[in-house]
Amino acid sequence: IEMAGLKVIARLDTRPKHPKAQDASDPLHAARAAEVTSLWRLGRADG
């Protein structure tokens, strides 16, 4: 982000609701349970 001449204005986060996030038998369960989906609001660094 920085190398591209951008800056972070804000970030909106949410937790996934899909079933695999609750499935302890899934081989990637730990990562899925901790997952956060974000919308990064970026602006031009010179903006």
PDB file of all heavy atoms in Angstrom:
ATOM      1  N   ILE A   1       0.835  -1.202   0.000  1.00  0.00           N
ATOM      2  CA  ILE A   1       0.000   0.000   0.000  1.00  0.00           C
ATOM      3  C   ILE A   1       0.870   1.252   0.000  1.00  0.00           C
ATOM      4  O   ILE A   1       0.668   2.189  -0.786  1.00  0.00           O
ATOM      5  CB  ILE A   1      -0.953  -0.017   1.213  1.00  0.00           C
ATOM      6  CG1 ILE A   1      -2.010  -1.114   1.046  1.00  0.00           C
ATOM      7  CG2 ILE A   1      -1.624   1.342   1.409  1.00  0.00           C
ATOM      8  CD1 ILE A   1      -2.874  -1.353   2.270  1.00  0.00           C
ATOM      9  N   GLU A   2       1.876   1.277   0.866  1.00  0.00           N
ATOM     10  CA  GLU A   2       2.759   2.448   0.955  1.00  0.00           C
ATOM     11  C   GLU A   2       3.572   2.638  -0.326  1.00  0.00           C
ATOM     12  O   GLU A   2       3.703   3.755  -0.833  1.00  0.00           O
ATOM     13  CB  GLU A   2       3.696   2.299   2.150  1.00  0.00           C
ATOM     14  CG  GLU A   2       4.600   3.513   2.368  1.00  0.00           C
ATOM     15  CD  GLU A   2       5.492   3.353   3.581  1.00  0.00           C
ATOM     16  OE1 GLU A   2       5.430   2.293   4.250  1.00  0.00           O
ATOM     17  OE2 GLU A   2       6.266   4.289   3.875  1.00  0.00           O
ATOM     18  N   MET A   3       4.124   1.546  -0.858  1.00  0.00           N
ATOM     19  CA  MET A   3       4.930   1.622  -2.075  1.00  0.00           C
ATOM     20  C   MET A   3       4.122   2.125  -3.274  1.00  0.00           C
ATOM     21  O   MET A   3       4.669   2.710  -4.211  1.00  0.00           O
ATOM     22  CB  MET A   3       5.523   0.248  -2.403  1.00  0.00           C
ATOM     23  CG  MET A   3       6.661  -0.176  -1.488  1.00  0.00           C
ATOM     24  SD  MET A   3       7.176  -1.886  -1.824  1.00  0.00           S
ATOM     25  CE  MET A   3       7.594  -1.794  -3.549  1.00  0.00           C
ATOM     26  N   ALA A   4       2.808   1.893  -3.244  1.00  0.00           N
ATOM     27  CA  ALA A   4       1.950   2.321  -4.341  1.00  0.00           C
ATOM     28  C   ALA A   4       1.532   3.778  -4.233  1.00  0.00           C
ATOM     29  O   ALA A   4       0.753   4.263  -5.066  1.00  0.00           O
ATOM     30  CB  ALA A   4       0.710   1.433  -4.388  1.00  0.00           C
ATOM     31  N   GLY A   5       2.048   4.491  -3.233  1.00  0.00           N
ATOM     32  CA  GLY A   5       1.671   5.900  -3.068  1.00  0.00           C
ATOM     33  C   GLY A   5       0.277   6.068  -2.505  1.00  0.00           C
ATOM     34  O   GLY A   5      -0.422   7.035  -2.834  1.00  0.00           O
ATOM     35  N   LEU A   6      -0.116   5.119  -1.626  1.00  0.00           N
ATOM     36  CA  LEU A   6      -1.452   5.143  -1.053  1.00  0.00           C
ATOM     37  C   LEU A   6      -1.368   5.268   0.465  1.00  0.00           C
ATOM     38  O   LEU A   6      -0.330   5.009   1.064  1.00  0.00           O
ATOM     39  CB  LEU A   6      -2.206   3.846  -1.404  1.00  0.00           C
ATOM     40  CG  LEU A   6      -2.385   3.538  -2.886  1.00  0.00           C
ATOM     41  CD1 LEU A   6      -2.843   2.102  -3.075  1.00  0.00           C
ATOM     42  CD2 LEU A   6      -3.380   4.498  -3.521  1.00  0.00           C
ATOM     43  N   LYS A   7      -2.469   5.648   1.061  1.00  0.00           N
ATOM     44  CA  LYS A   7      -2.561   5.700   2.520  1.00  0.00           C
ATOM     45  C   LYS A   7      -3.877   5.079   2.957  1.00  0.00           C
ATOM     46  O   LYS A   7      -4.853   5.030   2.189  1.00  0.00           O
ATOM     47  CB  LYS A   7      -2.490   7.156   3.004  1.00  0.00           C
ATOM     48  CG  LYS A   7      -3.628   8.035   2.498  1.00  0.00           C
ATOM     49  CD  LYS A   7      -3.448   9.482   2.927  1.00  0.00           C
ATOM     50  CE  LYS A   7      -4.565  10.375   2.373  1.00  0.00           C
ATOM     51  NZ  LYS A   7      -4.369  11.801   2.730  1.00  0.00           N
ATOM     52  N   VAL A   8      -3.896   4.569   4.185  1.00  0.00           N
ATOM     53  CA  VAL A   8      -5.104   3.965   4.738  1.00  0.00           C
ATOM     54  C   VAL A   8      -5.939   5.046   5.404  1.00  0.00           C
ATOM     55  O   VAL A   8      -5.479   5.712   6.340  1.00  0.00           O
ATOM     56  CB  VAL A   8      -4.763   2.859   5.750  1.00  0.00           C
ATOM     57  CG1 VAL A   8      -6.045   2.273   6.352  1.00  0.00           C
ATOM     58  CG2 VAL A   8      -3.936   1.754   5.093  1.00  0.00           C
ATOM     59  N   ILE A   9      -7.159   5.237   4.912  1.00  0.00           N
ATOM     60  CA  ILE A   9      -8.076   6.217   5.504  1.00  0.00           C
ATOM     61  C   ILE A   9      -8.820   5.597   6.680  1.00  0.00           C
ATOM     62  O   ILE A   9      -8.939   6.194   7.758  1.00  0.00           O
ATOM     63  CB  ILE A   9      -9.085   6.712   4.444  1.00  0.00           C
ATOM     64  CG1 ILE A   9      -8.358   7.377   3.272  1.00  0.00           C
ATOM     65  CG2 ILE A   9     -10.098   7.670   5.062  1.00  0.00           C
ATOM     66  CD1 ILE A   9      -9.260   7.657   2.080  1.00  0.00           C
ATOM     67  N   ALA A  10      -9.318   4.381   6.476  1.00  0.00           N
ATOM     68  CA  ALA A  10     -10.055   3.676   7.528  1.00  0.00           C
ATOM     69  C   ALA A  10     -10.212   2.225   7.081  1.00  0.00           C
ATOM     70  O   ALA A  10      -9.869   1.868   5.952  1.00  0.00           O
ATOM     71  CB  ALA A  10     -11.419   4.317   7.771  1.00  0.00           C
ATOM     72  N   ARG A  11     -10.710   1.403   8.007  1.00  0.00           N
ATOM     73  CA  ARG A  11     -10.942  -0.004   7.675  1.00  0.00           C
ATOM     74  C   ARG A  11     -12.202  -0.475   8.376  1.00  0.00           C
ATOM     75  O   ARG A  11     -12.396  -0.220   9.559  1.00  0.00           O
ATOM     76  CB  ARG A  11      -9.751  -0.847   8.122  1.00  0.00           C
ATOM     77  CG  ARG A  11      -9.723  -2.245   7.509  1.00  0.00           C
ATOM     78  CD  ARG A  11      -8.565  -3.081   8.031  1.00  0.00           C
ATOM     79  NE  ARG A  11      -8.807  -3.554   9.386  1.00  0.00           N
ATOM     80  CZ  ARG A  11      -7.943  -3.419  10.396  1.00  0.00           C
ATOM     81  NH1 ARG A  11      -6.775  -2.820  10.213  1.00  0.00           N
ATOM     82  NH2 ARG A  11      -8.247  -3.872  11.599  1.00  0.00           N
ATOM     83  N   LEU A  12     -13.063  -1.161   7.625  1.00  0.00           N
ATOM     84  CA  LEU A  12     -14.273  -1.747   8.185  1.00  0.00           C
ATOM     85  C   LEU A  12     -14.075  -3.262   8.245  1.00  0.00           C
ATOM     86  O   LEU A  12     -13.663  -3.870   7.248  1.00  0.00           O
ATOM     87  CB  LEU A  12     -15.500  -1.432   7.324  1.00  0.00           C
ATOM     88  CG  LEU A  12     -16.113  -0.027   7.419  1.00  0.00           C
ATOM     89  CD1 LEU A  12     -15.195   0.989   6.746  1.00  0.00           C
ATOM     90  CD2 LEU A  12     -17.482  -0.005   6.753  1.00  0.00           C
ATOM     91  N   ASP A  13     -14.360  -3.859   9.392  1.00  0.00           N
ATOM     92  CA  ASP A  13     -14.130  -5.292   9.585  1.00  0.00           C
ATOM     93  C   ASP A  13     -15.433  -6.026   9.881  1.00  0.00           C
ATOM     94  O   ASP A  13     -16.376  -5.451  10.445  1.00  0.00           O
ATOM     95  CB  ASP A  13     -13.171  -5.535  10.758  1.00  0.00           C
ATOM     96  CG  ASP A  13     -11.780  -4.957  10.518  1.00  0.00           C
ATOM     97  OD1 ASP A  13     -11.389  -4.835   9.342  1.00  0.00           O
ATOM     98  OD2 ASP A  13     -11.099  -4.637  11.515  1.00  0.00           O
ATOM     99  N   THR A  14     -15.437  -7.293   9.514  1.00  0.00           N
ATOM    100  CA  THR A  14     -16.568  -8.149   9.855  1.00  0.00           C
ATOM    101  C   THR A  14     -16.072  -9.582   9.985  1.00  0.00           C
ATOM    102  O   THR A  14     -15.029  -9.950   9.441  1.00  0.00           O
ATOM    103  CB  THR A  14     -17.681  -8.066   8.789  1.00  0.00           C
ATOM    104  OG1 THR A  14     -18.835  -8.773   9.245  1.00  0.00           O
ATOM    105  CG2 THR A  14     -17.229  -8.659   7.465  1.00  0.00           C
ATOM    106  N   ARG A  15     -16.823 -10.398  10.708  1.00  0.00           N
ATOM    107  CA  ARG A  15     -16.472 -11.800  10.890  1.00  0.00           C
ATOM    108  C   ARG A  15     -17.245 -12.664   9.904  1.00  0.00           C
ATOM    109  O   ARG A  15     -18.437 -12.439   9.683  1.00  0.00           O
ATOM    110  CB  ARG A  15     -16.813 -12.258  12.311  1.00  0.00           C
ATOM    111  CG  ARG A  15     -15.893 -11.692  13.370  1.00  0.00           C
ATOM    112  CD  ARG A  15     -14.607 -12.499  13.430  1.00  0.00           C
ATOM    113  NE  ARG A  15     -13.743 -12.055  14.524  1.00  0.00           N
ATOM    114  CZ  ARG A  15     -12.594 -12.612  14.816  1.00  0.00           C
ATOM    115  NH1 ARG A  15     -12.162 -13.640  14.093  1.00  0.00           N
ATOM    116  NH2 ARG A  15     -11.854 -12.158  15.813  1.00  0.00           N
ATOM    117  N   PRO A  16     -16.596 -13.665   9.310  1.00  0.00           N
ATOM    118  CA  PRO A  16     -17.308 -14.564   8.397  1.00  0.00           C
ATOM    119  C   PRO A  16     -18.402 -15.344   9.111  1.00  0.00           C
ATOM    120  O   PRO A  16     -18.294 -15.643  10.302  1.00  0.00           O
ATOM    121  CB  PRO A  16     -16.215 -15.516   7.899  1.00  0.00           C
ATOM    122  CG  PRO A  16     -14.933 -14.813   8.180  1.00  0.00           C
ATOM    123  CD  PRO A  16     -15.170 -13.983   9.393  1.00  0.00           C
ATOM    124  N   LYS A  17     -19.436 -15.681   8.338  1.00  0.00           N
ATOM    125  CA  LYS A  17     -20.553 -16.437   8.904  1.00  0.00           C
ATOM    126  C   LYS A  17     -20.682 -17.815   8.264  1.00  0.00           C
ATOM    127  O   LYS A  17     -21.631 -18.532   8.544  1.00  0.00           O
ATOM    128  CB  LYS A  17     -21.856 -15.663   8.702  1.00  0.00           C
ATOM    129  CG  LYS A  17     -21.846 -14.246   9.253  1.00  0.00           C
ATOM    130  CD  LYS A  17     -23.160 -13.536   8.958  1.00  0.00           C
ATOM    131  CE  LYS A  17     -23.168 -12.107   9.476  1.00  0.00           C
ATOM    132  NZ  LYS A  17     -22.259 -11.225   8.727  1.00  0.00           N
ATOM    133  N   HIS A  18     -19.741 -18.184   7.382  1.00  0.00           N
ATOM    134  CA  HIS A  18     -19.888 -19.445   6.670  1.00  0.00           C
ATOM    135  C   HIS A  18     -19.662 -20.633   7.608  1.00  0.00           C
ATOM    136  O   HIS A  18     -18.942 -20.533   8.610  1.00  0.00           O
ATOM    137  CB  HIS A  18     -18.929 -19.504   5.481  1.00  0.00           C
ATOM    138  CG  HIS A  18     -17.485 -19.374   5.828  1.00  0.00           C
ATOM    139  ND1 HIS A  18     -16.707 -20.449   6.184  1.00  0.00           N
ATOM    140  CD2 HIS A  18     -16.674 -18.292   5.880  1.00  0.00           C
ATOM    141  CE1 HIS A  18     -15.485 -20.043   6.432  1.00  0.00           C
ATOM    142  NE2 HIS A  18     -15.432 -18.744   6.250  1.00  0.00           N
ATOM    143  N   PRO A  19     -20.253 -21.792   7.305  1.00  0.00           N
ATOM    144  CA  PRO A  19     -20.224 -22.955   8.220  1.00  0.00           C
ATOM    145  C   PRO A  19     -18.815 -23.443   8.563  1.00  0.00           C
ATOM    146  O   PRO A  19     -18.592 -23.930   9.675  1.00  0.00           O
ATOM    147  CB  PRO A  19     -21.002 -24.023   7.448  1.00  0.00           C
ATOM    148  CG  PRO A  19     -21.874 -23.271   6.504  1.00  0.00           C
ATOM    149  CD  PRO A  19     -21.100 -22.042   6.137  1.00  0.00           C
ATOM    150  N   LYS A  20     -17.865 -23.333   7.635  1.00  0.00           N
ATOM    151  CA  LYS A  20     -16.529 -23.868   7.902  1.00  0.00           C
ATOM    152  C   LYS A  20     -15.837 -23.148   9.050  1.00  0.00           C
ATOM    153  O   LYS A  20     -14.939 -23.693   9.681  1.00  0.00           O
ATOM    154  CB  LYS A  20     -15.671 -23.801   6.639  1.00  0.00           C
ATOM    155  CG  LYS A  20     -16.030 -24.860   5.607  1.00  0.00           C
ATOM    156  CD  LYS A  20     -15.035 -24.892   4.472  1.00  0.00           C
ATOM    157  CE  LYS A  20     -15.364 -26.006   3.489  1.00  0.00           C
ATOM    158  NZ  LYS A  20     -14.402 -26.065   2.373  1.00  0.00           N
ATOM    159  N   ALA A  21     -16.251 -21.911   9.324  1.00  0.00           N
ATOM    160  CA  ALA A  21     -15.656 -21.178  10.448  1.00  0.00           C
ATOM    161  C   ALA A  21     -16.020 -21.825  11.781  1.00  0.00           C
ATOM    162  O   ALA A  21     -15.344 -21.608  12.788  1.00  0.00           O
ATOM    163  CB  ALA A  21     -16.118 -19.722  10.426  1.00  0.00           C
ATOM    164  N   GLN A  22     -17.098 -22.641  11.776  1.00  0.00           N
ATOM    165  CA  GLN A  22     -17.536 -23.302  13.012  1.00  0.00           C
ATOM    166  C   GLN A  22     -17.188 -24.785  13.038  1.00  0.00           C
ATOM    167  O   GLN A  22     -17.466 -25.472  14.024  1.00  0.00           O
ATOM    168  CB  GLN A  22     -19.063 -23.153  13.142  1.00  0.00           C
ATOM    169  CG  GLN A  22     -19.616 -21.773  12.859  1.00  0.00           C
ATOM    170  CD  GLN A  22     -19.069 -20.711  13.784  1.00  0.00           C
ATOM    171  OE1 GLN A  22     -18.825 -20.995  14.951  1.00  0.00           O
ATOM    172  NE2 GLN A  22     -18.876 -19.500  13.287  1.00  0.00           N
ATOM    173  N   ASP A  23     -16.595 -25.295  11.961  1.00  0.00           N
ATOM    174  CA  ASP A  23     -16.339 -26.727  11.827  1.00  0.00           C
ATOM    175  C   ASP A  23     -14.950 -27.075  12.360  1.00  0.00           C
ATOM    176  O   ASP A  23     -13.939 -26.869  11.697  1.00  0.00           O
ATOM    177  CB  ASP A  23     -16.463 -27.129  10.354  1.00  0.00           C
ATOM    178  CG  ASP A  23     -16.278 -28.625  10.134  1.00  0.00           C
ATOM    179  OD1 ASP A  23     -16.144 -29.358  11.139  1.00  0.00           O
ATOM    180  OD2 ASP A  23     -16.269 -29.057   8.961  1.00  0.00           O
ATOM    181  N   ALA A  24     -14.906 -27.627  13.566  1.00  0.00           N
ATOM    182  CA  ALA A  24     -13.622 -27.944  14.197  1.00  0.00           C
ATOM    183  C   ALA A  24     -12.882 -29.069  13.490  1.00  0.00           C
ATOM    184  O   ALA A  24     -11.667 -29.229  13.672  1.00  0.00           O
ATOM    185  CB  ALA A  24     -13.840 -28.315  15.656  1.00  0.00           C
ATOM    186  N   SER A  25     -13.579 -29.861  12.659  1.00  0.00           N
ATOM    187  CA  SER A  25     -12.921 -30.951  11.938  1.00  0.00           C
ATOM    188  C   SER A  25     -12.229 -30.475  10.664  1.00  0.00           C
ATOM    189  O   SER A  25     -11.462 -31.228  10.067  1.00  0.00           O
ATOM    190  CB  SER A  25     -13.946 -32.036  11.579  1.00  0.00           C
ATOM    191  OG  SER A  25     -14.885 -31.547  10.629  1.00  0.00           O
ATOM    192  N   ASP A  26     -12.502 -29.259  10.254  1.00  0.00           N
ATOM    193  CA  ASP A  26     -11.867 -28.721   9.053  1.00  0.00           C
ATOM    194  C   ASP A  26     -10.363 -28.578   9.290  1.00  0.00           C
ATOM    195  O   ASP A  26      -9.949 -28.063  10.336  1.00  0.00           O
ATOM    196  CB  ASP A  26     -12.469 -27.349   8.708  1.00  0.00           C
ATOM    197  CG  ASP A  26     -11.962 -26.803   7.396  1.00  0.00           C
ATOM    198  OD1 ASP A  26     -10.861 -26.205   7.398  1.00  0.00           O
ATOM    199  OD2 ASP A  26     -12.645 -26.971   6.378  1.00  0.00           O
ATOM    200  N   PRO A  27      -9.521 -29.022   8.356  1.00  0.00           N
ATOM    201  CA  PRO A  27      -8.068 -28.947   8.579  1.00  0.00           C
ATOM    202  C   PRO A  27      -7.540 -27.518   8.708  1.00  0.00           C
ATOM    203  O   PRO A  27      -6.461 -27.318   9.249  1.00  0.00           O
ATOM    204  CB  PRO A  27      -7.483 -29.641   7.338  1.00  0.00           C
ATOM    205  CG  PRO A  27      -8.574 -29.615   6.323  1.00  0.00           C
ATOM    206  CD  PRO A  27      -9.850 -29.693   7.086  1.00  0.00           C
ATOM    207  N   LEU A  28      -8.316 -26.543   8.268  1.00  0.00           N
ATOM    208  CA  LEU A  28      -7.891 -25.141   8.367  1.00  0.00           C
ATOM    209  C   LEU A  28      -8.760 -24.383   9.372  1.00  0.00           C
ATOM    210  O   LEU A  28      -8.882 -23.157   9.301  1.00  0.00           O
ATOM    211  CB  LEU A  28      -7.975 -24.459   6.993  1.00  0.00           C
ATOM    212  CG  LEU A  28      -7.213 -25.149   5.848  1.00  0.00           C
ATOM    213  CD1 LEU A  28      -7.380 -24.354   4.551  1.00  0.00           C
ATOM    214  CD2 LEU A  28      -5.741 -25.313   6.188  1.00  0.00           C
ATOM    215  N   HIS A  29      -9.326 -25.122  10.334  1.00  0.00           N
ATOM    216  CA  HIS A  29     -10.290 -24.517  11.249  1.00  0.00           C
ATOM    217  C   HIS A  29      -9.707 -23.337  12.026  1.00  0.00           C
ATOM    218  O   HIS A  29     -10.365 -22.307  12.177  1.00  0.00           O
ATOM    219  CB  HIS A  29     -10.810 -25.561  12.238  1.00  0.00           C
ATOM    220  CG  HIS A  29     -11.649 -24.973  13.332  1.00  0.00           C
ATOM    221  ND1 HIS A  29     -12.894 -24.421  13.111  1.00  0.00           N
ATOM    222  CD2 HIS A  29     -11.399 -24.816  14.675  1.00  0.00           C
ATOM    223  CE1 HIS A  29     -13.376 -23.978  14.245  1.00  0.00           C
ATOM    224  NE2 HIS A  29     -12.506 -24.197  15.210  1.00  0.00           N
ATOM    225  N   ALA A  30      -8.491 -23.457  12.528  1.00  0.00           N
ATOM    226  CA  ALA A  30      -7.912 -22.386  13.351  1.00  0.00           C
ATOM    227  C   ALA A  30      -7.845 -21.079  12.572  1.00  0.00           C
ATOM    228  O   ALA A  30      -8.182 -20.006  13.103  1.00  0.00           O
ATOM    229  CB  ALA A  30      -6.516 -22.783  13.831  1.00  0.00           C
ATOM    230  N   ALA A  31      -7.431 -21.164  11.311  1.00  0.00           N
ATOM    231  CA  ALA A  31      -7.351 -19.952  10.482  1.00  0.00           C
ATOM    232  C   ALA A  31      -8.739 -19.424  10.158  1.00  0.00           C
ATOM    233  O   ALA A  31      -8.981 -18.209  10.215  1.00  0.00           O
ATOM    234  CB  ALA A  31      -6.580 -20.248   9.194  1.00  0.00           C
ATOM    235  N   ARG A  32      -9.660 -20.325   9.839  1.00  0.00           N
ATOM    236  CA  ARG A  32     -11.013 -19.881   9.489  1.00  0.00           C
ATOM    237  C   ARG A  32     -11.712 -19.255  10.695  1.00  0.00           C
ATOM    238  O   ARG A  32     -12.466 -18.287  10.555  1.00  0.00           O
ATOM    239  CB  ARG A  32     -11.832 -21.065   8.970  1.00  0.00           C
ATOM    240  CG  ARG A  32     -11.314 -21.666   7.664  1.00  0.00           C
ATOM    241  CD  ARG A  32     -12.335 -22.648   7.113  1.00  0.00           C
ATOM    242  NE  ARG A  32     -11.802 -23.551   6.124  1.00  0.00           N
ATOM    243  CZ  ARG A  32     -11.613 -23.268   4.841  1.00  0.00           C
ATOM    244  NH1 ARG A  32     -11.897 -22.057   4.399  1.00  0.00           N
ATOM    245  NH2 ARG A  32     -11.140 -24.190   4.009  1.00  0.00           N
ATOM    246  N   ALA A  33     -11.483 -19.803  11.887  1.00  0.00           N
ATOM    247  CA  ALA A  33     -12.134 -19.274  13.089  1.00  0.00           C
ATOM    248  C   ALA A  33     -11.620 -17.879  13.437  1.00  0.00           C
ATOM    249  O   ALA A  33     -12.346 -17.069  14.033  1.00  0.00           O
ATOM    250  CB  ALA A  33     -11.915 -20.224  14.254  1.00  0.00           C
ATOM    251  N   ALA A  34     -10.364 -17.590  13.089  1.00  0.00           N
ATOM    252  CA  ALA A  34      -9.772 -16.285  13.404  1.00  0.00           C
ATOM    253  C   ALA A  34      -9.959 -15.271  12.279  1.00  0.00           C
ATOM    254  O   ALA A  34      -9.636 -14.092  12.447  1.00  0.00           O
ATOM    255  CB  ALA A  34      -8.280 -16.464  13.676  1.00  0.00           C
ATOM    256  N   GLU A  35     -10.484 -15.699  11.150  1.00  0.00           N
ATOM    257  CA  GLU A  35     -10.559 -14.862   9.943  1.00  0.00           C
ATOM    258  C   GLU A  35     -11.406 -13.608  10.139  1.00  0.00           C
ATOM    259  O   GLU A  35     -12.464 -13.633  10.771  1.00  0.00           O
ATOM    260  CB  GLU A  35     -11.141 -15.694   8.798  1.00  0.00           C
ATOM    261  CG  GLU A  35     -11.259 -14.947   7.478  1.00  0.00           C
ATOM    262  CD  GLU A  35     -11.949 -15.781   6.408  1.00  0.00           C
ATOM    263  OE1 GLU A  35     -12.419 -16.900   6.720  1.00  0.00           O
ATOM    264  OE2 GLU A  35     -12.030 -15.310   5.257  1.00  0.00           O
ATOM    265  N   VAL A  36     -10.927 -12.510   9.584  1.00  0.00           N
ATOM    266  CA  VAL A  36     -11.668 -11.249   9.532  1.00  0.00           C
ATOM    267  C   VAL A  36     -11.673 -10.773   8.078  1.00  0.00           C
ATOM    268  O   VAL A  36     -10.644 -10.781   7.407  1.00  0.00           O
ATOM    269  CB  VAL A  36     -11.025 -10.173  10.428  1.00  0.00           C
ATOM    270  CG1 VAL A  36     -11.687  -8.814  10.217  1.00  0.00           C
ATOM    271  CG2 VAL A  36     -11.109 -10.584  11.898  1.00  0.00           C
ATOM    272  N   THR A  37     -12.838 -10.381   7.604  1.00  0.00           N
ATOM    273  CA  THR A  37     -12.951  -9.792   6.270  1.00  0.00           C
ATOM    274  C   THR A  37     -13.007  -8.285   6.425  1.00  0.00           C
ATOM    275  O   THR A  37     -13.765  -7.769   7.252  1.00  0.00           O
ATOM    276  CB  THR A  37     -14.207 -10.310   5.546  1.00  0.00           C
ATOM    277  OG1 THR A  37     -14.147 -11.733   5.459  1.00  0.00           O
ATOM    278  CG2 THR A  37     -14.290  -9.732   4.144  1.00  0.00           C
ATOM    279  N   SER A  38     -12.206  -7.590   5.631  1.00  0.00           N
ATOM    280  CA  SER A  38     -12.082  -6.140   5.782  1.00  0.00           C
ATOM    281  C   SER A  38     -12.319  -5.405   4.474  1.00  0.00           C
ATOM    282  O   SER A  38     -12.016  -5.918   3.395  1.00  0.00           O
ATOM    283  CB  SER A  38     -10.684  -5.770   6.297  1.00  0.00           C
ATOM    284  OG  SER A  38     -10.421  -6.373   7.546  1.00  0.00           O
ATOM    285  N   LEU A  39     -12.854  -4.210   4.597  1.00  0.00           N
ATOM    286  CA  LEU A  39     -12.898  -3.253   3.499  1.00  0.00           C
ATOM    287  C   LEU A  39     -11.934  -2.133   3.860  1.00  0.00           C
ATOM    288  O   LEU A  39     -12.183  -1.370   4.795  1.00  0.00           O
ATOM    289  CB  LEU A  39     -14.317  -2.715   3.281  1.00  0.00           C
ATOM    290  CG  LEU A  39     -14.530  -1.784   2.084  1.00  0.00           C
ATOM    291  CD1 LEU A  39     -15.975  -1.885   1.571  1.00  0.00           C
ATOM    292  CD2 LEU A  39     -14.212  -0.325   2.405  1.00  0.00           C
ATOM    293  N   TRP A  40     -10.790  -2.094   3.157  1.00  0.00           N
ATOM    294  CA  TRP A  40      -9.786  -1.066   3.388  1.00  0.00           C
ATOM    295  C   TRP A  40     -10.128   0.163   2.544  1.00  0.00           C
ATOM    296  O   TRP A  40     -10.203   0.078   1.317  1.00  0.00           O
ATOM    297  CB  TRP A  40      -8.397  -1.571   2.987  1.00  0.00           C
ATOM    298  CG  TRP A  40      -7.877  -2.712   3.804  1.00  0.00           C
ATOM    299  CD1 TRP A  40      -8.264  -4.005   3.765  1.00  0.00           C
ATOM    300  CD2 TRP A  40      -6.828  -2.633   4.775  1.00  0.00           C
ATOM    301  NE1 TRP A  40      -7.537  -4.763   4.649  1.00  0.00           N
ATOM    302  CE2 TRP A  40      -6.640  -3.945   5.284  1.00  0.00           C
ATOM    303  CE3 TRP A  40      -6.012  -1.595   5.256  1.00  0.00           C
ATOM    304  CZ2 TRP A  40      -5.694  -4.250   6.246  1.00  0.00           C
ATOM    305  CZ3 TRP A  40      -5.073  -1.898   6.223  1.00  0.00           C
ATOM    306  CH2 TRP A  40      -4.913  -3.195   6.724  1.00  0.00           C
ATOM    307  N   ARG A  41     -10.326   1.295   3.199  1.00  0.00           N
ATOM    308  CA  ARG A  41     -10.551   2.552   2.479  1.00  0.00           C
ATOM    309  C   ARG A  41      -9.190   3.215   2.277  1.00  0.00           C
ATOM    310  O   ARG A  41      -8.536   3.643   3.232  1.00  0.00           O
ATOM    311  CB  ARG A  41     -11.486   3.462   3.271  1.00  0.00           C
ATOM    312  CG  ARG A  41     -12.903   2.919   3.411  1.00  0.00           C
ATOM    313  CD  ARG A  41     -13.749   3.803   4.321  1.00  0.00           C
ATOM    314  NE  ARG A  41     -13.760   5.187   3.854  1.00  0.00           N
ATOM    315  CZ  ARG A  41     -14.053   6.238   4.633  1.00  0.00           C
ATOM    316  NH1 ARG A  41     -14.330   6.058   5.928  1.00  0.00           N
ATOM    317  NH2 ARG A  41     -14.046   7.461   4.137  1.00  0.00           N
ATOM    318  N   LEU A  42      -8.776   3.267   1.024  1.00  0.00           N
ATOM    319  CA  LEU A  42      -7.459   3.794   0.671  1.00  0.00           C
ATOM    320  C   LEU A  42      -7.590   5.095  -0.099  1.00  0.00           C
ATOM    321  O   LEU A  42      -8.522   5.281  -0.893  1.00  0.00           O
ATOM    322  CB  LEU A  42      -6.702   2.775  -0.186  1.00  0.00           C
ATOM    323  CG  LEU A  42      -6.592   1.349   0.377  1.00  0.00           C
ATOM    324  CD1 LEU A  42      -5.939   0.425  -0.645  1.00  0.00           C
ATOM    325  CD2 LEU A  42      -5.808   1.358   1.691  1.00  0.00           C
ATOM    326  N   GLY A  43      -6.640   5.988   0.128  1.00  0.00           N
ATOM    327  CA  GLY A  43      -6.579   7.230  -0.628  1.00  0.00           C
ATOM    328  C   GLY A  43      -5.187   7.457  -1.179  1.00  0.00           C
ATOM    329  O   GLY A  43      -4.246   6.777  -0.788  1.00  0.00           O
ATOM    330  N   ARG A  44      -5.074   8.387  -2.085  1.00  0.00           N
ATOM    331  CA  ARG A  44      -3.755   8.747  -2.598  1.00  0.00           C
ATOM    332  C   ARG A  44      -2.948   9.433  -1.502  1.00  0.00           C
ATOM    333  O   ARG A  44      -3.471  10.294  -0.777  1.00  0.00           O
ATOM    334  CB  ARG A  44      -3.889   9.667  -3.807  1.00  0.00           C
ATOM    335  CG  ARG A  44      -4.325   8.931  -5.063  1.00  0.00           C
ATOM    336  CD  ARG A  44      -4.716   9.861  -6.198  1.00  0.00           C
ATOM    337  NE  ARG A  44      -3.801  10.989  -6.386  1.00  0.00           N
ATOM    338  CZ  ARG A  44      -3.873  11.828  -7.415  1.00  0.00           C
ATOM    339  NH1 ARG A  44      -4.834  11.687  -8.323  1.00  0.00           N
ATOM    340  NH2 ARG A  44      -3.020  12.826  -7.529  1.00  0.00           N
ATOM    341  N   ALA A  45      -1.669   9.080  -1.368  1.00  0.00           N
ATOM    342  CA  ALA A  45      -0.837   9.685  -0.331  1.00  0.00           C
ATOM    343  C   ALA A  45      -0.702  11.182  -0.533  1.00  0.00           C
ATOM    344  O   ALA A  45      -0.502  11.935   0.428  1.00  0.00           O
ATOM    345  CB  ALA A  45       0.544   9.015  -0.326  1.00  0.00           C
ATOM    346  N   ASP A  46      -0.837  11.642  -1.788  1.00  0.00           N
ATOM    347  CA  ASP A  46      -0.754  13.069  -2.078  1.00  0.00           C
ATOM    348  C   ASP A  46      -2.126  13.719  -2.142  1.00  0.00           C
ATOM    349  O   ASP A  46      -2.275  14.850  -2.574  1.00  0.00           O
ATOM    350  CB  ASP A  46      -0.010  13.310  -3.408  1.00  0.00           C
ATOM    351  CG  ASP A  46      -0.765  12.689  -4.601  1.00  0.00           C
ATOM    352  OD1 ASP A  46      -1.733  11.931  -4.373  1.00  0.00           O
ATOM    353  OD2 ASP A  46      -0.377  12.960  -5.744  1.00  0.00           O
ATOM    354  N   GLY A  47      -3.164  12.964  -1.733  1.00  0.00           N
ATOM    355  CA  GLY A  47      -4.528  13.454  -1.824  1.00  0.00           C
ATOM    356  C   GLY A  47      -4.912  14.308  -0.653  1.00  0.00           C
ATOM    357  O   GLY A  47      -4.084  14.633   0.228  1.00  0.00           O
TER     358      GLY A  47
END
